[in-house]
Amino acid sequence: MNIIYQGKMRRLEFTLAHGDIFDARTEAIVNSEQSDFVLALNRETISGQIRHRYGRAIQEELDAATEQKVLPAGTVISSSGGKEFHRIYHAGFHEPNDWPGDPGCSDYADFLKVIG
């Protein structure tokens, strides 16, 4: 891990680093997700790595929390963290069919507002 920045925000310690997030020595990670909270099949994403590394266990927790419904953008769901972390926070920042550039969809400013 290459540490780029470390600081505090009230009681929260914040570290910005370059490297494999699954090698980080931290208590929790954040996974950006579509607001249906279905883990990705693409292993090149954090969501896909969570699915690959932890099998169905995390997806089952997400399914139980959402009752398999699409939730409002901005919803955050906590799950267990496998062997490496205490928790994984899944931040649903857009609906599954809402992509910038598509007619009738949100733009990047809308996504940044939700993330904020």
C-alpha atoms as a PDB file:
ATOM      1  CA  MET A   1       0.000   0.000   0.000  1.00  0.00           C
ATOM      2  CA  ASN A   2       1.288   3.403  -0.943  1.00  0.00           C
ATOM      3  CA  ILE A   3      -0.113   5.923   1.577  1.00  0.00           C
ATOM      4  CA  ILE A   4      -0.978   9.192  -0.172  1.00  0.00           C
ATOM      5  CA  TYR A   5      -2.745  11.065   2.634  1.00  0.00           C
ATOM      6  CA  GLN A   6      -3.655  10.474   6.277  1.00  0.00           C
ATOM      7  CA  GLY A   7      -5.800  12.694   8.449  1.00  0.00           C
ATOM      8  CA  LYS A   8      -8.632  12.856  10.947  1.00  0.00           C
ATOM      9  CA  MET A   9     -12.211  13.936  10.593  1.00  0.00           C
ATOM     10  CA  ARG A  10     -13.456  14.279  14.185  1.00  0.00           C
ATOM     11  CA  ARG A  11     -12.986  10.768  15.620  1.00  0.00           C
ATOM     12  CA  LEU A  12     -12.612   9.094  12.218  1.00  0.00           C
ATOM     13  CA  GLU A  13      -9.132   8.344  10.912  1.00  0.00           C
ATOM     14  CA  PHE A  14      -8.964   8.671   7.139  1.00  0.00           C
ATOM     15  CA  THR A  15      -6.273   7.176   4.894  1.00  0.00           C
ATOM     16  CA  LEU A  16      -6.065   7.601   1.136  1.00  0.00           C
ATOM     17  CA  ALA A  17      -3.820   4.945  -0.352  1.00  0.00           C
ATOM     18  CA  HIS A  18      -2.950   3.385  -3.694  1.00  0.00           C
ATOM     19  CA  GLY A  19      -2.935  -0.404  -3.844  1.00  0.00           C
ATOM     20  CA  ASP A  20      -5.171  -3.431  -3.379  1.00  0.00           C
ATOM     21  CA  ILE A  21      -8.028  -2.487  -1.031  1.00  0.00           C
ATOM     22  CA  PHE A  22      -8.200  -6.090   0.156  1.00  0.00           C
ATOM     23  CA  ASP A  23      -4.628  -5.813   1.467  1.00  0.00           C
ATOM     24  CA  ALA A  24      -5.465  -2.727   3.537  1.00  0.00           C
ATOM     25  CA  ARG A  25      -5.122  -3.037   7.280  1.00  0.00           C
ATOM     26  CA  THR A  26      -8.376  -1.382   8.214  1.00  0.00           C
ATOM     27  CA  GLU A  27     -11.568  -2.211  10.064  1.00  0.00           C
ATOM     28  CA  ALA A  28     -13.944  -1.380   7.202  1.00  0.00           C
ATOM     29  CA  ILE A  29     -14.125  -0.596   3.499  1.00  0.00           C
ATOM     30  CA  VAL A  30     -16.724   1.178   1.357  1.00  0.00           C
ATOM     31  CA  ASN A  31     -18.110  -0.371  -1.803  1.00  0.00           C
ATOM     32  CA  SER A  32     -20.019   1.864  -4.222  1.00  0.00           C
ATOM     33  CA  GLU A  33     -22.992  -0.035  -5.535  1.00  0.00           C
ATOM     34  CA  GLN A  34     -26.124   0.360  -7.599  1.00  0.00           C
ATOM     35  CA  SER A  35     -29.122   0.880  -5.332  1.00  0.00           C
ATOM     36  CA  ASP A  36     -30.432  -2.637  -5.993  1.00  0.00           C
ATOM     37  CA  PHE A  37     -27.366  -3.842  -4.034  1.00  0.00           C
ATOM     38  CA  VAL A  38     -26.655  -6.785  -6.329  1.00  0.00           C
ATOM     39  CA  LEU A  39     -22.925  -7.502  -6.300  1.00  0.00           C
ATOM     40  CA  ALA A  40     -21.244  -7.289  -9.701  1.00  0.00           C
ATOM     41  CA  LEU A  41     -20.040 -10.251 -11.737  1.00  0.00           C
ATOM     42  CA  ASN A  42     -17.094  -8.229 -13.099  1.00  0.00           C
ATOM     43  CA  ARG A  43     -14.032  -9.159 -10.985  1.00  0.00           C
ATOM     44  CA  GLU A  44     -12.294  -5.925 -11.994  1.00  0.00           C
ATOM     45  CA  THR A  45     -14.591  -3.995  -9.627  1.00  0.00           C
ATOM     46  CA  ILE A  46     -14.611  -3.893  -5.835  1.00  0.00           C
ATOM     47  CA  SER A  47     -18.175  -5.198  -5.913  1.00  0.00           C
ATOM     48  CA  GLY A  48     -17.116  -8.102  -8.138  1.00  0.00           C
ATOM     49  CA  GLN A  49     -14.170  -8.910  -5.873  1.00  0.00           C
ATOM     50  CA  ILE A  50     -16.481  -8.977  -2.855  1.00  0.00           C
ATOM     51  CA  ARG A  51     -18.711 -11.478  -4.691  1.00  0.00           C
ATOM     52  CA  HIS A  52     -15.684 -13.545  -5.783  1.00  0.00           C
ATOM     53  CA  ARG A  53     -13.904 -13.555  -2.407  1.00  0.00           C
ATOM     54  CA  TYR A  54     -16.845 -14.034  -0.033  1.00  0.00           C
ATOM     55  CA  GLY A  55     -19.247 -16.075  -2.152  1.00  0.00           C
ATOM     56  CA  ARG A  56     -22.964 -15.783  -1.532  1.00  0.00           C
ATOM     57  CA  ALA A  57     -22.672 -14.804   2.143  1.00  0.00           C
ATOM     58  CA  ILE A  58     -22.442 -11.042   1.583  1.00  0.00           C
ATOM     59  CA  GLN A  59     -25.085 -11.084  -1.166  1.00  0.00           C
ATOM     60  CA  GLU A  60     -27.460 -12.917   1.162  1.00  0.00           C
ATOM     61  CA  GLU A  61     -26.947 -10.206   3.814  1.00  0.00           C
ATOM     62  CA  LEU A  62     -27.666  -7.504   1.220  1.00  0.00           C
ATOM     63  CA  ASP A  63     -30.760  -9.350  -0.047  1.00  0.00           C
ATOM     64  CA  ALA A  64     -32.110  -9.616   3.500  1.00  0.00           C
ATOM     65  CA  ALA A  65     -31.477  -5.915   4.197  1.00  0.00           C
ATOM     66  CA  THR A  66     -33.114  -4.719   0.952  1.00  0.00           C
ATOM     67  CA  GLU A  67     -35.782  -7.418   0.670  1.00  0.00           C
ATOM     68  CA  GLN A  68     -34.452  -7.556  -2.922  1.00  0.00           C
ATOM     69  CA  LYS A  69     -35.911  -4.131  -3.770  1.00  0.00           C
ATOM     70  CA  VAL A  70     -34.292  -1.108  -5.412  1.00  0.00           C
ATOM     71  CA  LEU A  71     -33.724   1.464  -2.660  1.00  0.00           C
ATOM     72  CA  PRO A  72     -33.321   5.240  -3.002  1.00  0.00           C
ATOM     73  CA  ALA A  73     -29.938   6.509  -4.196  1.00  0.00           C
ATOM     74  CA  GLY A  74     -27.844   7.496  -1.196  1.00  0.00           C
ATOM     75  CA  THR A  75     -28.788   4.423   0.869  1.00  0.00           C
ATOM     76  CA  VAL A  76     -25.893   2.788   2.720  1.00  0.00           C
ATOM     77  CA  ILE A  77     -26.084  -0.808   3.958  1.00  0.00           C
ATOM     78  CA  SER A  78     -23.587  -2.458   6.277  1.00  0.00           C
ATOM     79  CA  SER A  79     -22.581  -6.108   5.952  1.00  0.00           C
ATOM     80  CA  SER A  80     -20.038  -8.362   7.599  1.00  0.00           C
ATOM     81  CA  GLY A  81     -16.563  -8.088   6.189  1.00  0.00           C
ATOM     82  CA  GLY A  82     -15.358 -11.590   5.536  1.00  0.00           C
ATOM     83  CA  LYS A  83     -11.968 -12.452   7.028  1.00  0.00           C
ATOM     84  CA  GLU A  84     -10.220  -9.154   6.280  1.00  0.00           C
ATOM     85  CA  PHE A  85     -12.596  -6.505   7.705  1.00  0.00           C
ATOM     86  CA  HIS A  86     -15.127  -6.056  10.493  1.00  0.00           C
ATOM     87  CA  ARG A  87     -17.630  -4.367   8.153  1.00  0.00           C
ATOM     88  CA  ILE A  88     -18.229  -3.499   4.514  1.00  0.00           C
ATOM     89  CA  TYR A  89     -20.357  -0.415   3.843  1.00  0.00           C
ATOM     90  CA  HIS A  90     -22.212  -0.657   0.537  1.00  0.00           C
ATOM     91  CA  ALA A  91     -23.183   2.810  -0.728  1.00  0.00           C
ATOM     92  CA  GLY A  92     -25.968   2.713  -3.303  1.00  0.00           C
ATOM     93  CA  PHE A  93     -25.387   5.842  -5.322  1.00  0.00           C
ATOM     94  CA  HIS A  94     -27.538   5.273  -8.410  1.00  0.00           C
ATOM     95  CA  GLU A  95     -30.426   3.143  -9.598  1.00  0.00           C
ATOM     96  CA  PRO A  96     -29.511   0.209 -11.888  1.00  0.00           C
ATOM     97  CA  ASN A  97     -30.759   1.877 -15.098  1.00  0.00           C
ATOM     98  CA  ASP A  98     -29.630   5.438 -14.284  1.00  0.00           C
ATOM     99  CA  TRP A  99     -26.408   6.146 -16.195  1.00  0.00           C
ATOM    100  CA  PRO A 100     -25.001   9.566 -17.163  1.00  0.00           C
ATOM    101  CA  GLY A 101     -25.308  10.294 -20.850  1.00  0.00           C
ATOM    102  CA  ASP A 102     -28.425   8.174 -21.376  1.00  0.00           C
ATOM    103  CA  PRO A 103     -31.540  10.200 -22.280  1.00  0.00           C
ATOM    104  CA  GLY A 104     -33.665  10.913 -19.226  1.00  0.00           C
ATOM    105  CA  CYS A 105     -30.972   9.814 -16.776  1.00  0.00           C
ATOM    106  CA  SER A 106     -29.065  11.681 -14.108  1.00  0.00           C
ATOM    107  CA  ASP A 107     -25.868  13.541 -14.892  1.00  0.00           C
ATOM    108  CA  TYR A 108     -22.551  13.438 -13.043  1.00  0.00           C
ATOM    109  CA  ALA A 109     -23.557  16.411 -10.880  1.00  0.00           C
ATOM    110  CA  ASP A 110     -26.557  14.421  -9.602  1.00  0.00           C
ATOM    111  CA  PHE A 111     -24.278  11.492  -8.724  1.00  0.00           C
ATOM    112  CA  LEU A 112     -21.797  13.751  -6.918  1.00  0.00           C
ATOM    113  CA  LYS A 113     -24.644  15.262  -4.883  1.00  0.00           C
ATOM    114  CA  VAL A 114     -25.788  11.771  -3.793  1.00  0.00           C
ATOM    115  CA  ILE A 115     -22.216  10.702  -2.962  1.00  0.00           C
ATOM    116  CA  GLY A 116     -21.733  13.857  -0.910  1.00  0.00           C
END
